[in-house]
N, C-alpha and C. Protein backbone atom coordinates (compact mmCIF):
# COMPACT_ATOMS: atom_id res chain seq x y z
N MET A 1 186.36 112.34 143.43
CA MET A 1 187.37 112.55 144.49
C MET A 1 188.37 111.35 144.45
N LEU A 2 189.62 111.69 144.64
CA LEU A 2 190.67 110.67 144.72
C LEU A 2 190.96 110.58 146.24
N HIS A 3 190.83 109.40 146.79
CA HIS A 3 190.96 109.18 148.31
C HIS A 3 192.14 108.43 148.53
N TYR A 4 192.95 108.88 149.58
CA TYR A 4 194.06 108.13 149.97
C TYR A 4 194.08 107.98 151.51
N THR A 5 194.34 106.69 151.98
CA THR A 5 194.47 106.45 153.35
C THR A 5 195.68 105.49 153.49
N PRO A 6 196.57 105.72 154.52
CA PRO A 6 197.77 104.92 154.66
C PRO A 6 197.44 103.43 154.84
N SER A 7 196.36 103.03 155.44
CA SER A 7 196.08 101.67 155.60
C SER A 7 194.61 101.42 155.58
N ALA A 8 194.18 100.20 155.16
CA ALA A 8 192.76 99.88 155.13
C ALA A 8 192.48 99.00 156.31
N SER A 9 193.52 98.66 157.14
CA SER A 9 193.21 97.70 158.23
C SER A 9 193.48 98.28 159.59
N ARG A 10 193.97 99.39 159.78
CA ARG A 10 194.20 100.00 161.08
C ARG A 10 192.76 100.45 161.66
N TRP A 11 192.67 100.42 162.97
CA TRP A 11 191.46 100.82 163.61
C TRP A 11 191.19 102.33 163.60
N ILE A 12 192.29 103.14 163.59
CA ILE A 12 192.16 104.55 163.50
C ILE A 12 193.30 105.03 162.56
N ASP A 13 192.94 105.90 161.57
CA ASP A 13 193.92 106.34 160.64
C ASP A 13 193.48 107.69 159.99
N SER A 14 194.44 108.38 159.44
CA SER A 14 194.13 109.63 158.71
C SER A 14 193.78 109.32 157.28
N TYR A 15 193.18 110.35 156.60
CA TYR A 15 192.99 110.19 155.12
C TYR A 15 193.04 111.60 154.52
N LEU A 16 193.31 111.58 153.18
CA LEU A 16 193.28 112.77 152.42
C LEU A 16 192.52 112.49 151.09
N SER A 17 191.70 113.45 150.64
CA SER A 17 190.94 113.32 149.42
C SER A 17 191.02 114.64 148.68
N THR A 18 191.10 114.53 147.37
CA THR A 18 191.06 115.73 146.55
C THR A 18 190.32 115.44 145.26
N GLY A 19 189.74 116.45 144.74
CA GLY A 19 188.90 116.26 143.49
C GLY A 19 188.32 117.52 142.99
N VAL A 20 187.25 117.42 142.17
CA VAL A 20 186.60 118.54 141.57
C VAL A 20 185.08 118.47 141.97
N GLU A 21 184.55 119.64 142.18
CA GLU A 21 183.13 119.78 142.51
C GLU A 21 182.46 120.66 141.44
N TRP A 22 181.29 120.23 140.91
CA TRP A 22 180.61 121.02 139.95
C TRP A 22 179.31 121.49 140.66
N THR A 23 179.06 122.78 140.65
CA THR A 23 177.91 123.42 141.32
C THR A 23 177.12 124.10 140.21
N THR A 24 175.75 123.82 140.20
CA THR A 24 174.84 124.51 139.29
C THR A 24 174.24 125.75 139.99
N ILE A 25 174.36 126.93 139.39
CA ILE A 25 173.88 128.10 140.00
C ILE A 25 172.74 128.66 139.14
N GLU A 26 171.59 128.90 139.79
CA GLU A 26 170.49 129.56 139.04
C GLU A 26 170.69 131.01 138.83
N LEU A 27 170.57 131.48 137.67
CA LEU A 27 170.69 132.88 137.43
C LEU A 27 169.40 133.66 137.41
N PRO A 28 169.42 134.94 137.59
CA PRO A 28 168.09 135.75 137.73
C PRO A 28 167.41 135.63 136.35
N GLU A 29 166.05 135.85 136.45
CA GLU A 29 165.18 135.84 135.27
C GLU A 29 165.70 136.82 134.26
N GLY A 30 165.49 136.52 133.04
CA GLY A 30 165.97 137.44 131.97
C GLY A 30 167.31 137.21 131.48
N SER A 31 168.14 136.34 132.13
CA SER A 31 169.42 135.96 131.73
C SER A 31 169.36 135.07 130.42
N GLU A 32 170.48 135.17 129.65
CA GLU A 32 170.50 134.31 128.44
C GLU A 32 170.30 132.80 128.75
N ASN A 33 171.00 132.38 129.75
CA ASN A 33 170.91 130.95 130.23
C ASN A 33 170.30 130.98 131.66
N PRO A 34 169.37 130.05 132.01
CA PRO A 34 168.84 130.01 133.27
C PRO A 34 169.78 129.50 134.36
N THR A 35 170.83 128.75 134.03
CA THR A 35 171.76 128.28 135.03
C THR A 35 173.19 128.43 134.52
N LYS A 36 174.10 128.42 135.55
CA LYS A 36 175.55 128.48 135.25
C LYS A 36 176.25 127.38 136.02
N THR A 37 177.18 126.70 135.44
CA THR A 37 177.90 125.65 136.21
C THR A 37 179.26 126.20 136.63
N GLU A 38 179.56 126.00 137.94
CA GLU A 38 180.84 126.46 138.48
C GLU A 38 181.65 125.25 138.86
N THR A 39 182.99 125.25 138.47
CA THR A 39 183.86 124.16 138.75
C THR A 39 184.88 124.61 139.83
N ASN A 40 185.04 123.84 140.91
CA ASN A 40 185.95 124.14 142.05
C ASN A 40 186.81 123.01 142.41
N PHE A 41 188.04 123.28 142.85
CA PHE A 41 188.90 122.33 143.47
C PHE A 41 188.35 122.02 144.81
N VAL A 42 188.47 120.76 145.25
CA VAL A 42 187.97 120.31 146.62
C VAL A 42 189.08 119.48 147.27
N PHE A 43 189.29 119.86 148.47
CA PHE A 43 190.34 119.08 149.31
C PHE A 43 189.68 118.73 150.68
N GLU A 44 189.86 117.42 151.09
CA GLU A 44 189.30 116.97 152.33
C GLU A 44 190.36 116.22 153.15
N THR A 45 190.32 116.28 154.42
CA THR A 45 191.29 115.64 155.32
C THR A 45 190.49 115.29 156.66
N GLY A 46 191.00 114.22 157.31
CA GLY A 46 190.31 113.87 158.56
C GLY A 46 190.79 112.53 159.09
N ILE A 47 190.03 111.87 159.94
CA ILE A 47 190.37 110.59 160.49
C ILE A 47 189.33 109.60 160.19
N LYS A 48 189.67 108.36 160.06
CA LYS A 48 188.65 107.28 159.96
C LYS A 48 188.83 106.32 161.11
N LEU A 49 187.69 105.78 161.58
CA LEU A 49 187.65 104.86 162.69
C LEU A 49 186.95 103.62 162.16
N ARG A 50 187.48 102.44 162.44
CA ARG A 50 186.89 101.20 162.01
C ARG A 50 186.52 100.41 163.27
N PHE A 51 185.45 99.62 163.21
CA PHE A 51 184.96 98.81 164.33
C PHE A 51 184.59 97.42 163.84
N ASN A 52 184.96 96.41 164.70
CA ASN A 52 184.43 95.07 164.47
C ASN A 52 183.26 94.89 165.35
N LEU A 53 182.09 94.78 164.77
CA LEU A 53 180.85 94.77 165.58
C LEU A 53 180.43 93.40 166.02
N TYR A 54 181.25 92.45 165.84
CA TYR A 54 180.88 91.02 166.09
C TYR A 54 180.69 90.87 167.65
N TYR A 55 181.48 91.59 168.50
CA TYR A 55 181.34 91.45 169.97
C TYR A 55 180.66 92.62 170.56
N SER A 56 179.81 93.30 169.89
CA SER A 56 179.12 94.48 170.38
C SER A 56 177.53 94.23 170.39
N PRO A 57 176.80 95.07 170.99
CA PRO A 57 175.32 94.96 170.96
C PRO A 57 174.74 95.07 169.59
N LEU A 58 175.48 95.61 168.64
CA LEU A 58 175.10 95.78 167.24
C LEU A 58 175.48 94.49 166.37
N LYS A 59 175.63 93.41 166.98
CA LYS A 59 176.08 92.19 166.27
C LYS A 59 175.19 91.86 165.12
N PHE A 60 173.89 92.23 165.13
CA PHE A 60 173.07 91.87 164.02
C PHE A 60 173.51 92.54 162.73
N LEU A 61 174.29 93.58 162.79
CA LEU A 61 174.80 94.26 161.56
C LEU A 61 175.93 93.40 160.90
N THR A 62 176.47 92.35 161.61
CA THR A 62 177.52 91.58 161.02
C THR A 62 176.93 90.61 159.94
N LYS A 63 175.64 90.54 159.85
CA LYS A 63 175.08 89.72 158.76
C LYS A 63 175.42 90.39 157.39
N ILE A 64 175.66 91.70 157.45
CA ILE A 64 176.04 92.43 156.19
C ILE A 64 177.52 92.28 156.09
N THR A 65 178.34 92.73 157.06
CA THR A 65 179.76 92.73 157.08
C THR A 65 180.24 92.87 158.56
N ASP A 66 181.39 92.30 158.85
CA ASP A 66 181.86 92.40 160.27
C ASP A 66 182.41 93.81 160.59
N PHE A 67 182.90 94.52 159.60
CA PHE A 67 183.60 95.77 159.89
C PHE A 67 182.72 96.95 159.44
N TRP A 68 182.62 97.90 160.31
CA TRP A 68 181.92 99.17 160.02
C TRP A 68 182.77 100.34 160.45
N GLY A 69 182.53 101.46 159.92
CA GLY A 69 183.44 102.60 160.24
C GLY A 69 182.77 103.93 160.03
N ILE A 70 183.49 104.95 160.45
CA ILE A 70 183.03 106.32 160.33
C ILE A 70 184.27 107.16 159.88
N ARG A 71 183.99 108.19 159.07
CA ARG A 71 184.95 109.13 158.61
C ARG A 71 184.54 110.47 159.15
N ILE A 72 185.48 111.25 159.80
CA ILE A 72 185.15 112.52 160.32
C ILE A 72 186.20 113.44 159.77
N GLY A 73 185.83 114.53 159.07
CA GLY A 73 186.82 115.39 158.49
C GLY A 73 186.24 116.73 158.19
N ILE A 74 187.07 117.51 157.40
CA ILE A 74 186.71 118.80 156.99
C ILE A 74 187.05 118.97 155.56
N ARG A 75 186.23 119.57 154.81
CA ARG A 75 186.39 119.78 153.35
C ARG A 75 186.45 121.25 152.99
N ASN A 76 187.38 121.66 152.24
CA ASN A 76 187.40 123.04 151.65
C ASN A 76 187.15 123.05 150.20
N VAL A 77 186.35 123.97 149.79
CA VAL A 77 186.02 124.17 148.32
C VAL A 77 186.78 125.41 147.90
N GLY A 78 187.59 125.23 146.90
CA GLY A 78 188.42 126.30 146.32
C GLY A 78 189.89 126.09 146.66
N ALA A 79 190.79 126.30 145.70
CA ALA A 79 192.25 126.04 145.91
C ALA A 79 192.92 127.03 146.74
N PHE A 80 193.09 128.25 146.20
CA PHE A 80 193.78 129.34 146.97
C PHE A 80 192.83 130.25 147.64
N ASP A 81 191.70 130.46 147.05
CA ASP A 81 190.66 131.24 147.61
C ASP A 81 189.56 130.35 148.14
N ILE A 82 189.58 130.03 149.41
CA ILE A 82 188.64 129.02 149.96
C ILE A 82 187.29 129.68 150.04
N LYS A 83 186.28 129.10 149.36
CA LYS A 83 184.96 129.57 149.23
C LYS A 83 184.06 129.03 150.33
N ARG A 84 184.27 127.79 150.77
CA ARG A 84 183.48 127.13 151.81
C ARG A 84 184.26 126.11 152.55
N LEU A 85 183.97 126.01 153.82
CA LEU A 85 184.47 124.93 154.70
C LEU A 85 183.31 124.10 155.12
N VAL A 86 183.36 122.72 154.93
CA VAL A 86 182.26 121.93 155.31
C VAL A 86 182.77 120.86 156.22
N TYR A 87 182.02 120.46 157.27
CA TYR A 87 182.33 119.27 158.06
C TYR A 87 181.75 118.04 157.42
N VAL A 88 182.47 116.94 157.45
CA VAL A 88 182.08 115.72 156.78
C VAL A 88 181.95 114.61 157.80
N ILE A 89 180.88 113.95 157.86
CA ILE A 89 180.68 112.74 158.72
C ILE A 89 180.06 111.67 157.85
N GLU A 90 180.74 110.51 157.64
CA GLU A 90 180.31 109.48 156.76
C GLU A 90 180.37 108.17 157.48
N PHE A 91 179.26 107.40 157.39
CA PHE A 91 179.26 106.04 157.90
C PHE A 91 179.43 105.11 156.77
N GLY A 92 180.03 103.92 157.06
CA GLY A 92 180.27 102.98 155.97
C GLY A 92 180.41 101.56 156.44
N ALA A 93 180.38 100.68 155.56
CA ALA A 93 180.58 99.23 155.91
C ALA A 93 181.64 98.56 155.07
N GLY A 94 182.32 97.62 155.63
CA GLY A 94 183.32 96.93 154.88
C GLY A 94 184.70 97.41 155.10
N THR A 95 185.65 96.84 154.44
CA THR A 95 187.08 97.22 154.64
C THR A 95 187.42 98.41 153.67
N TRP A 96 187.09 99.60 154.17
CA TRP A 96 187.38 100.78 153.36
C TRP A 96 188.40 101.50 154.03
């Protein structure tokens, strides 16, 4: 995935990601190959929230890094023919 966000330092910001997803599909018994690989375009968009935990009850986490964050978004699989929509929630640490 190629990820773009306008700023790494804002407390709240949008983001866009795009890339390729490979899915392995198991085929029925008796097929020439037991599996098939499917390649799909993937696009994701959403918001990211960053927090400085130094002044919070979770201050003990600042031993790792002061800044923590969450990404909340939606991902679609398929370019013109959308095959799946997936909600994305990701927690992270550092200046991302």
